[in-house]
C-alpha atoms as a PDB file:
ATOM      1  CA  UNK A   1      -9.650   4.818  26.845  1.00  0.00           C
ATOM      2  CA  UNK A   2      -8.873   8.421  26.784  1.00  0.00           C
ATOM      3  CA  UNK A   3      -9.183  10.691  23.632  1.00  0.00           C
ATOM      4  CA  UNK A   4      -5.517  11.109  23.414  1.00  0.00           C
ATOM      5  CA  UNK A   5      -4.833   7.444  23.294  1.00  0.00           C
ATOM      6  CA  UNK A   6      -7.639   7.161  20.619  1.00  0.00           C
ATOM      7  CA  UNK A   7      -6.328   9.978  18.509  1.00  0.00           C
ATOM      8  CA  UNK A   8      -2.702   8.248  18.734  1.00  0.00           C
ATOM      9  CA  UNK A   9      -4.170   4.845  17.701  1.00  0.00           C
ATOM     10  CA  UNK A  10      -5.869   6.301  14.887  1.00  0.00           C
ATOM     11  CA  UNK A  11      -3.025   8.414  13.547  1.00  0.00           C
ATOM     12  CA  UNK A  12      -0.692   5.379  13.983  1.00  0.00           C
ATOM     13  CA  UNK A  13      -2.851   3.337  11.778  1.00  0.00           C
ATOM     14  CA  UNK A  14      -3.483   5.715   9.104  1.00  0.00           C
ATOM     15  CA  UNK A  15       0.273   6.297   8.850  1.00  0.00           C
ATOM     16  CA  UNK A  16       0.898   2.573   8.748  1.00  0.00           C
ATOM     17  CA  UNK A  17      -1.795   2.155   5.931  1.00  0.00           C
ATOM     18  CA  UNK A  18      -0.135   4.831   3.956  1.00  0.00           C
ATOM     19  CA  UNK A  19       3.484   3.034   4.502  1.00  0.00           C
ATOM     20  CA  UNK A  20       2.115  -0.245   3.132  1.00  0.00           C
ATOM     21  CA  UNK A  21       0.250   0.998   0.228  1.00  0.00           C
ATOM     22  CA  UNK A  22       2.707   3.477  -1.116  1.00  0.00           C
ATOM     23  CA  UNK A  23       4.828   0.908  -2.821  1.00  0.00           C
ATOM     24  CA  UNK A  24       1.906  -0.452  -4.855  1.00  0.00           C
ATOM     25  CA  UNK A  25       0.702   3.098  -5.516  1.00  0.00           C
ATOM     26  CA  UNK A  26       4.209   3.935  -7.062  1.00  0.00           C
ATOM     27  CA  UNK A  27       4.191   0.649  -9.121  1.00  0.00           C
ATOM     28  CA  UNK A  28       0.788   1.574 -10.625  1.00  0.00           C
ATOM     29  CA  UNK A  29       1.656   5.103 -11.029  1.00  0.00           C
ATOM     30  CA  UNK A  30       5.029   4.309 -13.229  1.00  0.00           C
ATOM     31  CA  UNK A  31       3.243   1.600 -15.065  1.00  0.00           C
ATOM     32  CA  UNK A  32       0.140   3.670 -15.963  1.00  0.00           C
ATOM     33  CA  UNK A  33       2.694   6.571 -17.040  1.00  0.00           C
ATOM     34  CA  UNK A  34       4.511   4.254 -19.292  1.00  0.00           C
ATOM     35  CA  UNK A  35       1.414   2.589 -20.681  1.00  0.00           C
ATOM     36  CA  UNK A  36      -0.155   6.149 -21.361  1.00  0.00           C
ATOM     37  CA  UNK A  37       2.855   7.294 -23.258  1.00  0.00           C
ATOM     38  CA  UNK A  38       3.131   4.142 -25.325  1.00  0.00           C
ATOM     39  CA  UNK A  39      -0.642   4.611 -26.205  1.00  0.00           C
ATOM     40  CA  UNK A  40      -0.049   8.221 -26.978  1.00  0.00           C
ATOM     41  CA  UNK A  41       2.857   7.580 -29.350  1.00  0.00           C
ATOM     42  CA  UNK A  42       1.077   4.579 -31.136  1.00  0.00           C
ATOM     43  CA  UNK A  43      -2.179   6.322 -31.350  1.00  0.00           C
ATOM     44  CA  UNK A  44      -3.843   2.974 -29.780  1.00  0.00           C
ATOM     45  CA  UNK A  45      -6.624   3.877 -27.331  1.00  0.00           C
ATOM     46  CA  UNK A  46      -7.630   0.482 -26.014  1.00  0.00           C
ATOM     47  CA  UNK A  47      -8.669   0.490 -22.486  1.00  0.00           C
ATOM     48  CA  UNK A  48      -7.434  -3.087 -21.833  1.00  0.00           C
ATOM     49  CA  UNK A  49      -3.893  -1.987 -22.839  1.00  0.00           C
ATOM     50  CA  UNK A  50      -3.731   0.215 -19.689  1.00  0.00           C
ATOM     51  CA  UNK A  51      -5.585  -2.342 -17.411  1.00  0.00           C
ATOM     52  CA  UNK A  52      -3.502  -5.345 -18.114  1.00  0.00           C
ATOM     53  CA  UNK A  53       0.077  -4.117 -17.657  1.00  0.00           C
ATOM     54  CA  UNK A  54      -0.892  -2.574 -14.454  1.00  0.00           C
ATOM     55  CA  UNK A  55      -2.582  -5.750 -13.072  1.00  0.00           C
ATOM     56  CA  UNK A  56       0.573  -7.883 -13.921  1.00  0.00           C
ATOM     57  CA  UNK A  57       2.884  -5.098 -12.446  1.00  0.00           C
ATOM     58  CA  UNK A  58       0.896  -5.076  -9.143  1.00  0.00           C
ATOM     59  CA  UNK A  59       1.021  -8.912  -9.067  1.00  0.00           C
ATOM     60  CA  UNK A  60       4.593  -8.910  -9.437  1.00  0.00           C
ATOM     61  CA  UNK A  61       5.104  -6.243  -6.809  1.00  0.00           C
ATOM     62  CA  UNK A  62       2.899  -8.223  -4.519  1.00  0.00           C
ATOM     63  CA  UNK A  63       5.106 -11.341  -4.908  1.00  0.00           C
ATOM     64  CA  UNK A  64       8.252  -9.089  -4.439  1.00  0.00           C
ATOM     65  CA  UNK A  65       6.906  -7.305  -1.343  1.00  0.00           C
ATOM     66  CA  UNK A  66       5.305 -10.103   0.531  1.00  0.00           C
ATOM     67  CA  UNK A  67       8.318 -10.786   2.841  1.00  0.00           C
ATOM     68  CA  UNK A  68       8.312  -7.113   3.620  1.00  0.00           C
ATOM     69  CA  UNK A  69       4.593  -6.680   4.089  1.00  0.00           C
ATOM     70  CA  UNK A  70       4.514  -9.742   6.246  1.00  0.00           C
ATOM     71  CA  UNK A  71       7.322  -8.125   8.416  1.00  0.00           C
ATOM     72  CA  UNK A  72       5.695  -4.894   8.636  1.00  0.00           C
ATOM     73  CA  UNK A  73       2.290  -6.296   9.527  1.00  0.00           C
ATOM     74  CA  UNK A  74       3.744  -8.663  12.314  1.00  0.00           C
ATOM     75  CA  UNK A  75       5.568  -5.514  13.704  1.00  0.00           C
ATOM     76  CA  UNK A  76       2.298  -3.382  13.617  1.00  0.00           C
ATOM     77  CA  UNK A  77       0.203  -6.290  15.358  1.00  0.00           C
ATOM     78  CA  UNK A  78       3.123  -6.800  18.057  1.00  0.00           C
ATOM     79  CA  UNK A  79       3.307  -3.011  18.938  1.00  0.00           C
ATOM     80  CA  UNK A  80      -0.470  -2.916  19.232  1.00  0.00           C
ATOM     81  CA  UNK A  81      -0.668  -6.141  21.134  1.00  0.00           C
ATOM     82  CA  UNK A  82       1.936  -4.802  23.619  1.00  0.00           C
ATOM     83  CA  UNK A  83       0.161  -1.410  23.985  1.00  0.00           C
ATOM     84  CA  UNK A  84      -3.232  -3.196  25.042  1.00  0.00           C
ATOM     85  CA  UNK A  85      -1.670  -3.338  28.547  1.00  0.00           C
ATOM     86  CA  UNK A  86      -1.800   0.076  29.018  1.00  0.00           C
ATOM     87  CA  UNK A  87      -4.915   0.851  27.227  1.00  0.00           C
ATOM     88  CA  UNK A  88      -7.199  -0.253  30.340  1.00  0.00           C
ATOM     89  CA  UNK A  89      -5.847   2.086  32.873  1.00  0.00           C
END
């Protein structure tokens, strides 16, 4: 394996990881912002009030995004398996 191929594999893996994690980070960001605004308006500073909605929102996002995640992971795996034939050269 040459250095260019190793660098390309590393770059592809990092970009794919960011591609997969971004929807979950977006959901956590939006829910955290809304929860923080509600806590600021109502003057409630209970730590569990920010944790529980994020947990529920991320669980819901996971349920909704499971088909997309399975498709993305299978495409990523297939692309790497097809590239394995050229890695030995």
